[in-house]
Amino acid sequence: MNRKHPVIAAPQFGSAPHWQILIRDEWCSAIARLTSALVSGASTFFQARRYLNLPFPPLTHAVSSPSGLGSDSKPVAAAINGNVTYLADSMQFYLELGCRITKGNVFYISPSFRGERPDVSHLSQFIHVECEGQGDLTAGITLASQLVDYLSRHLLLTCRSELESIAGTVEHIDELLSLKADFPCVKFQQMVNDLGKSSPDAISRSPSGFDIVTRAGESIAVETYGTAGALWITNYPWLSVPFYQAKAAQASYAKNADLILGSCETVGCGERWISGADIRSSLSMHGVNGAPYEWYAAMKDEMPMRTFGFGLGIERFLMWALRHEDIRDLSLTHSIPDVRILPNR
């Protein structure tokens, strides 16, 4: 790849008050412009397809991420007017409600909050592009692939100088666009069968009895099965995904898929259970307290509907677009306990 030396490098956060770095450093200005382009581009993409933007509040009593045997995250509690609730880790449940309110398709772009310590590929607060649409998993994979293609093209048109200054090249974006949103796929079990023998570090075993692909495994999978740094991994073990993901008939795998871009999961997609009875059964099998989700099951009793949904992390997308290895440099405002914007650190 013809890669030039990057002109703009990430600042050393912590070397000065955080707000001073934000207003002085060229990196921060470039990240702000890139983030704005992705948020506006995603909104344009969905509105052109008649998806309605529903601005639900970022509070919930029913979190979606810490919701099963395969969860590695915790909810973020918040006290509002004396009532304890949670900052939303995802707008999925509200969006499923939105599909029933509008009898159509909906999307939302909002911060999501996760109770985990940030590292090179995880943030405790990130910008989440989420949608819910009527259809199955295949429809979701198709739409998510189209969104990634659209955002890649949109960045080239609006922020090419920022991309070249930071990544040193845009050849990886051109290569992705050459696929025309037709990204390769591999089934999870096939990947386990292949990589479990040749690359033992790619797969680990959960104490709950199912296989898990590691971060190193995602990179190896892209190198093995992917094209232009892109790969859909589909049909994970059903018990490893959250309770709301539908299960394939007469099989132990889920109707879900993750899109790996470069070396990191960037899009998570899944088909939902249709009926309330299925939700209640799934909650029980995943060992999740069903009380906070009874409204969700009752909603499906009242109006069964086959939907898919997916979420794209803006900062994860920027990691790939900028060829950058630390996601913490791509978030201008942090929800890290020891990093404050105001007052001074």
Protein backbone atom coordinates (compact mmCIF):
# COMPACT_ATOMS: atom_id res chain seq x y z
CA MET A 1 0.00 0.00 0.00
CA ASN A 2 1.33 3.43 -0.92
CA ARG A 3 1.22 5.03 2.51
CA LYS A 4 2.58 8.51 3.07
CA HIS A 5 3.87 9.60 6.44
CA PRO A 6 0.93 10.99 8.42
CA VAL A 7 0.97 14.75 8.87
CA ILE A 8 -1.23 14.84 11.97
CA ALA A 9 -0.54 12.66 15.01
CA ALA A 10 -2.65 12.08 18.10
CA PRO A 11 -1.86 14.40 21.01
CA GLN A 12 -0.62 13.23 24.38
CA PHE A 13 -3.79 13.52 26.42
CA GLY A 14 -2.88 14.23 30.02
CA SER A 15 0.03 16.51 29.14
CA ALA A 16 -2.20 19.54 29.71
CA PRO A 17 -5.79 20.21 30.84
CA HIS A 18 -8.00 18.22 28.52
CA TRP A 19 -10.00 21.19 27.28
CA GLN A 20 -6.78 23.01 26.31
CA ILE A 21 -5.70 20.10 24.14
CA LEU A 22 -9.15 20.04 22.49
CA ILE A 23 -9.04 23.68 21.41
CA ARG A 24 -5.35 23.83 20.44
CA ASP A 25 -4.54 20.53 18.73
CA GLU A 26 -5.04 20.00 15.00
CA TRP A 27 -5.86 16.32 15.59
CA CYS A 28 -8.90 17.22 17.70
CA SER A 29 -10.17 19.62 15.06
CA ALA A 30 -9.83 16.95 12.38
CA ILE A 31 -11.60 14.34 14.52
CA ALA A 32 -14.46 16.79 15.10
CA ARG A 33 -14.90 17.33 11.36
CA LEU A 34 -14.73 13.60 10.61
CA THR A 35 -17.23 12.78 13.35
CA SER A 36 -19.63 15.45 12.10
CA ALA A 37 -19.38 14.08 8.56
CA LEU A 38 -20.17 10.54 9.72
CA VAL A 39 -23.16 11.58 11.85
CA SER A 40 -24.67 13.77 9.12
CA GLY A 41 -23.90 11.14 6.47
CA ALA A 42 -25.62 8.38 8.46
CA SER A 43 -28.69 10.56 8.95
CA THR A 44 -28.88 11.31 5.23
CA PHE A 45 -28.49 7.61 4.41
CA PHE A 46 -31.44 6.54 6.55
CA GLN A 47 -33.71 9.43 5.66
CA ALA A 48 -33.22 8.70 1.97
CA ARG A 49 -34.59 5.22 2.71
CA ARG A 50 -37.60 6.64 4.60
CA TYR A 51 -36.34 5.63 8.03
CA LEU A 52 -37.75 7.94 10.68
CA ASN A 53 -35.44 9.49 13.27
CA LEU A 54 -36.99 9.01 16.72
CA PRO A 55 -35.18 10.91 19.53
CA PHE A 56 -35.88 8.70 22.53
CA PRO A 57 -34.41 9.72 25.92
CA PRO A 58 -31.07 8.09 26.81
CA LEU A 59 -32.47 6.52 30.00
CA THR A 60 -33.83 3.04 30.54
CA HIS A 61 -34.76 0.49 33.19
CA ALA A 62 -34.12 -2.36 30.71
CA VAL A 63 -30.52 -2.41 29.53
CA SER A 64 -29.69 -4.52 26.49
CA SER A 65 -25.94 -5.14 26.72
CA PRO A 66 -25.47 -6.93 30.08
CA SER A 67 -28.17 -9.39 29.22
CA GLY A 68 -26.89 -12.91 28.94
CA LEU A 69 -24.20 -15.48 29.48
CA GLY A 70 -21.90 -13.92 26.88
CA SER A 71 -22.05 -10.36 28.20
CA ASP A 72 -18.80 -8.59 29.09
CA SER A 73 -20.27 -5.22 30.06
CA LYS A 74 -22.11 -3.64 32.99
CA PRO A 75 -24.90 -1.05 33.07
CA VAL A 76 -24.22 2.55 34.06
CA ALA A 77 -26.59 3.60 36.84
CA ALA A 78 -27.91 7.15 37.11
CA ALA A 79 -30.00 8.88 39.78
CA ILE A 80 -32.56 11.25 38.25
CA ASN A 81 -34.84 13.16 40.63
CA GLY A 82 -34.32 10.53 43.28
CA ASN A 83 -35.09 7.62 40.95
CA VAL A 84 -32.39 5.11 40.02
CA THR A 85 -32.29 4.20 36.34
CA TYR A 86 -29.61 3.48 33.73
CA LEU A 87 -27.95 5.39 30.94
CA ALA A 88 -28.89 3.52 27.77
CA ASP A 89 -26.27 1.17 26.39
CA SER A 90 -28.40 0.87 23.25
CA MET A 91 -31.64 2.31 21.89
CA GLN A 92 -32.69 -1.05 20.46
CA PHE A 93 -35.72 -1.72 22.63
CA TYR A 94 -37.04 1.79 22.04
CA LEU A 95 -36.42 1.38 18.31
CA GLU A 96 -38.36 -1.89 18.24
CA LEU A 97 -41.19 0.03 19.90
CA GLY A 98 -40.74 2.74 17.26
CA CYS A 99 -41.27 0.25 14.45
CA ARG A 100 -44.64 -0.59 15.96
CA ILE A 101 -45.56 3.05 16.58
CA THR A 102 -44.80 4.08 12.99
CA LYS A 103 -45.55 0.74 11.29
CA GLY A 104 -42.28 1.41 9.48
CA ASN A 105 -38.51 1.63 9.97
CA VAL A 106 -36.63 3.86 12.42
CA PHE A 107 -33.12 4.97 13.38
CA TYR A 108 -31.35 6.95 16.04
CA ILE A 109 -27.87 8.45 16.57
CA SER A 110 -26.97 8.91 20.22
CA PRO A 111 -24.28 8.32 22.82
CA SER A 112 -24.27 4.83 24.33
CA PHE A 113 -22.86 4.10 27.76
CA ARG A 114 -21.09 0.95 28.93
CA GLY A 115 -19.76 0.20 32.40
CA GLU A 116 -16.33 -0.93 31.31
CA ARG A 117 -12.86 0.52 31.56
CA PRO A 118 -11.72 1.97 28.21
CA ASP A 119 -8.86 0.30 26.37
CA VAL A 120 -7.42 0.43 22.86
CA SER A 121 -10.66 -0.85 21.29
CA HIS A 122 -13.36 -0.01 23.86
CA LEU A 123 -14.91 3.20 25.13
CA SER A 124 -17.24 3.61 28.08
CA GLN A 125 -19.13 6.24 26.07
CA PHE A 126 -19.35 6.21 22.28
CA ILE A 127 -21.51 7.50 19.43
CA HIS A 128 -23.92 4.81 18.29
CA VAL A 129 -25.74 4.75 14.95
CA GLU A 130 -28.65 2.34 15.40
CA CYS A 131 -31.61 1.30 13.30
CA GLU A 132 -34.49 -1.15 13.42
CA GLY A 133 -36.25 -2.28 10.27
CA GLN A 134 -38.87 -4.76 9.19
CA GLY A 135 -37.24 -7.84 7.73
CA ASP A 136 -34.82 -10.65 8.51
CA LEU A 137 -31.09 -10.96 9.17
CA THR A 138 -30.23 -10.97 5.46
CA ALA A 139 -32.00 -7.63 5.03
CA GLY A 140 -30.06 -6.25 7.99
CA ILE A 141 -26.68 -7.38 6.64
CA THR A 142 -27.50 -5.87 3.25
CA LEU A 143 -28.52 -2.50 4.71
CA ALA A 144 -25.56 -2.33 7.10
CA SER A 145 -23.15 -3.11 4.25
CA GLN A 146 -24.73 -0.33 2.21
CA LEU A 147 -24.32 2.09 5.12
CA VAL A 148 -20.62 1.27 5.49
CA ASP A 149 -20.15 1.75 1.74
CA TYR A 150 -22.04 5.06 1.84
CA LEU A 151 -20.12 6.43 4.83
CA SER A 152 -16.79 5.46 3.26
CA ARG A 153 -17.70 7.28 0.06
CA HIS A 154 -19.07 10.24 2.04
CA LEU A 155 -15.80 10.64 3.97
CA LEU A 156 -13.78 10.66 0.77
CA LEU A 157 -16.00 13.40 -0.64
CA THR A 158 -16.11 15.59 2.46
CA CYS A 159 -12.95 14.90 4.50
CA ARG A 160 -10.31 13.57 2.15
CA SER A 161 -7.61 15.93 3.43
CA GLU A 162 -8.23 14.85 7.05
CA LEU A 163 -8.11 11.19 6.06
CA GLU A 164 -4.84 11.58 4.18
CA SER A 165 -3.28 13.73 6.90
CA ILE A 166 -3.96 11.15 9.61
CA ALA A 167 -4.05 7.78 7.82
CA GLY A 168 -1.40 8.68 5.26
CA THR A 169 -3.48 7.03 2.51
CA VAL A 170 -7.04 6.38 1.37
CA GLU A 171 -6.22 3.26 -0.63
CA HIS A 172 -7.86 1.01 1.98
CA ILE A 173 -11.10 2.98 1.56
CA ASP A 174 -10.90 2.74 -2.22
CA GLU A 175 -10.37 -1.02 -1.89
CA LEU A 176 -13.46 -1.36 0.29
CA LEU A 177 -15.53 0.69 -2.14
CA SER A 178 -14.47 -1.58 -4.98
CA LEU A 179 -16.53 -4.35 -3.31
CA LYS A 180 -19.72 -2.29 -3.85
CA ALA A 181 -21.15 -3.24 -0.44
CA ASP A 182 -20.82 -6.97 -1.19
CA PHE A 183 -18.63 -8.02 1.74
CA PRO A 184 -17.51 -11.62 2.30
CA CYS A 185 -19.14 -13.75 5.01
CA VAL A 186 -18.05 -16.71 7.08
CA LYS A 187 -20.14 -18.71 9.52
CA PHE A 188 -18.88 -18.71 13.08
CA GLN A 189 -18.67 -22.49 13.33
CA GLN A 190 -16.67 -22.79 10.11
CA MET A 191 -14.25 -20.19 11.46
CA VAL A 192 -13.90 -22.11 14.73
CA ASN A 193 -13.29 -25.38 12.89
CA ASP A 194 -10.60 -23.80 10.73
CA LEU A 195 -8.85 -21.41 13.09
CA GLY A 196 -9.17 -23.56 16.19
CA LYS A 197 -6.63 -25.91 14.63
CA SER A 198 -4.32 -23.47 12.85
CA SER A 199 -4.56 -20.48 15.25
CA PRO A 200 -5.45 -21.58 18.79
CA ASP A 201 -5.21 -17.98 20.09
CA ALA A 202 -8.11 -17.01 17.83
CA ILE A 203 -10.71 -18.95 19.79
CA SER A 204 -11.38 -19.19 23.51
CA ARG A 205 -13.92 -21.16 25.50
CA SER A 206 -16.50 -19.52 27.75
CA PRO A 207 -17.13 -21.02 31.21
CA SER A 208 -20.76 -21.26 30.01
CA GLY A 209 -19.73 -23.80 27.38
CA PHE A 210 -19.56 -21.96 24.06
CA ASP A 211 -16.73 -20.74 21.83
CA ILE A 212 -15.72 -17.08 21.65
CA VAL A 213 -13.66 -15.36 18.98
CA THR A 214 -10.86 -13.29 20.52
CA ARG A 215 -9.67 -9.85 19.41
CA ALA A 216 -6.67 -11.56 17.82
CA GLY A 217 -9.07 -14.01 16.23
CA GLU A 218 -11.02 -11.20 14.56
CA SER A 219 -7.81 -10.00 12.88
CA ILE A 220 -6.87 -13.52 11.83
CA ALA A 221 -10.38 -14.13 10.47
CA VAL A 222 -10.20 -10.98 8.32
CA GLU A 223 -6.84 -12.06 6.94
CA THR A 224 -8.13 -15.58 6.28
CA TYR A 225 -11.62 -14.99 4.89
CA GLY A 226 -11.94 -11.24 4.31
CA THR A 227 -11.46 -8.95 1.36
CA ALA A 228 -10.21 -5.35 1.58
CA GLY A 229 -10.16 -5.68 5.36
CA ALA A 230 -13.88 -6.46 5.64
CA LEU A 231 -15.64 -9.61 6.84
CA TRP A 232 -19.06 -10.56 8.16
CA ILE A 233 -18.97 -13.30 10.80
CA THR A 234 -22.44 -14.81 11.05
CA ASN A 235 -24.44 -17.18 13.26
CA TYR A 236 -22.67 -17.10 16.61
CA PRO A 237 -23.57 -19.65 19.30
CA TRP A 238 -27.03 -18.62 20.48
CA LEU A 239 -26.16 -18.63 24.18
CA SER A 240 -23.26 -16.25 23.53
CA VAL A 241 -25.49 -13.44 22.21
CA PRO A 242 -28.08 -11.36 24.12
CA PHE A 243 -31.48 -12.89 24.82
CA TYR A 244 -33.32 -10.76 22.24
CA GLN A 245 -31.47 -12.26 19.26
CA ALA A 246 -33.56 -14.89 17.49
CA LYS A 247 -32.38 -18.48 17.28
CA ALA A 248 -32.30 -20.46 14.08
CA ALA A 249 -34.93 -23.19 13.87
CA GLN A 250 -33.64 -26.59 15.00
CA ALA A 251 -30.13 -25.27 15.56
CA SER A 252 -28.03 -23.82 18.36
CA TYR A 253 -26.84 -20.73 16.53
CA ALA A 254 -28.20 -17.20 16.50
CA LYS A 255 -29.55 -15.12 13.66
CA ASN A 256 -26.83 -12.52 14.09
CA ALA A 257 -23.73 -11.15 12.40
CA ASP A 258 -20.75 -8.90 13.21
CA LEU A 259 -18.90 -6.88 10.59
CA ILE A 260 -15.16 -6.73 11.18
CA LEU A 261 -13.40 -3.78 9.56
CA GLY A 262 -9.62 -3.98 9.73
CA SER A 263 -9.11 -5.69 13.08
CA CYS A 264 -12.18 -4.72 15.08
CA GLU A 265 -15.92 -5.36 15.17
CA THR A 266 -17.59 -2.22 13.82
CA VAL A 267 -21.20 -3.30 13.21
CA GLY A 268 -23.34 -5.72 15.22
CA CYS A 269 -26.50 -6.96 13.50
CA GLY A 270 -29.27 -9.35 14.45
CA GLU A 271 -32.79 -10.57 13.82
CA ARG A 272 -35.17 -10.30 16.79
CA TRP A 273 -37.60 -12.75 18.30
CA ILE A 274 -41.10 -12.21 16.97
CA SER A 275 -43.28 -13.34 19.88
CA GLY A 276 -43.45 -12.54 23.57
CA ALA A 277 -43.42 -16.25 24.41
CA ASP A 278 -40.06 -16.62 22.68
CA ILE A 279 -38.65 -13.65 24.63
CA ARG A 280 -39.76 -15.09 27.98
CA SER A 281 -38.28 -18.47 27.15
CA SER A 282 -35.03 -16.88 25.99
CA LEU A 283 -34.74 -14.76 29.14
CA SER A 284 -35.02 -17.91 31.23
CA MET A 285 -32.45 -19.84 29.20
CA HIS A 286 -29.98 -16.93 29.36
CA GLY A 287 -30.41 -16.60 33.11
CA VAL A 288 -31.71 -13.02 32.92
CA ASN A 289 -34.27 -11.55 35.32
CA GLY A 290 -37.37 -11.10 33.18
CA ALA A 291 -39.10 -8.44 35.28
CA PRO A 292 -37.53 -5.35 33.59
CA TYR A 293 -38.32 -6.84 30.17
CA GLU A 294 -41.93 -7.90 30.70
CA TRP A 295 -43.13 -4.78 28.84
CA TYR A 296 -40.90 -5.80 25.92
CA ALA A 297 -42.37 -9.31 25.82
CA ALA A 298 -45.92 -7.92 26.20
CA MET A 299 -45.29 -5.54 23.30
CA LYS A 300 -44.53 -8.55 21.11
CA ASP A 301 -47.67 -10.28 22.41
CA GLU A 302 -49.67 -7.25 21.36
CA MET A 303 -48.00 -6.72 17.98
CA PRO A 304 -45.74 -9.54 16.69
CA MET A 305 -43.34 -8.23 14.06
CA ARG A 306 -40.21 -9.62 12.39
CA THR A 307 -37.49 -6.99 12.60
CA PHE A 308 -33.73 -6.73 12.31
CA GLY A 309 -31.50 -4.14 13.88
CA PHE A 310 -27.89 -3.12 13.87
CA GLY A 311 -25.56 -0.66 15.54
CA LEU A 312 -22.45 1.00 14.12
CA GLY A 313 -19.92 2.65 16.41
CA ILE A 314 -18.66 5.93 14.97
CA GLU A 315 -15.33 5.75 16.77
CA ARG A 316 -14.82 2.13 15.68
CA PHE A 317 -15.48 3.18 12.09
CA LEU A 318 -12.91 5.97 12.46
CA MET A 319 -10.36 3.46 13.76
CA TRP A 320 -10.58 1.67 10.45
CA ALA A 321 -10.83 4.77 8.25
CA LEU A 322 -7.85 6.44 9.94
CA ARG A 323 -5.76 3.28 10.37
CA HIS A 324 -5.50 4.21 14.04
CA GLU A 325 -4.91 1.65 16.78
CA ASP A 326 -6.23 3.39 19.90
CA ILE A 327 -9.92 4.28 19.99
CA ARG A 328 -9.42 6.51 23.01
CA ASP A 329 -7.80 9.11 20.76
CA LEU A 330 -10.98 9.31 18.65
CA SER A 331 -13.35 10.47 21.39
CA LEU A 332 -13.20 14.18 22.16
CA THR A 333 -15.09 13.93 25.44
CA HIS A 334 -14.44 11.04 27.77
CA SER A 335 -16.54 9.36 30.42
CA ILE A 336 -13.41 8.02 32.11
CA PRO A 337 -13.45 8.53 35.89
CA ASP A 338 -10.06 10.25 36.03
CA VAL A 339 -10.39 12.40 32.89
CA ARG A 340 -12.45 15.57 33.07
CA ILE A 341 -13.10 18.30 30.52
CA LEU A 342 -14.13 20.91 33.12
CA PRO A 343 -12.84 21.72 35.62
CA ASN A 344 -9.13 21.20 34.88
CA ARG A 345 -7.80 17.70 35.41
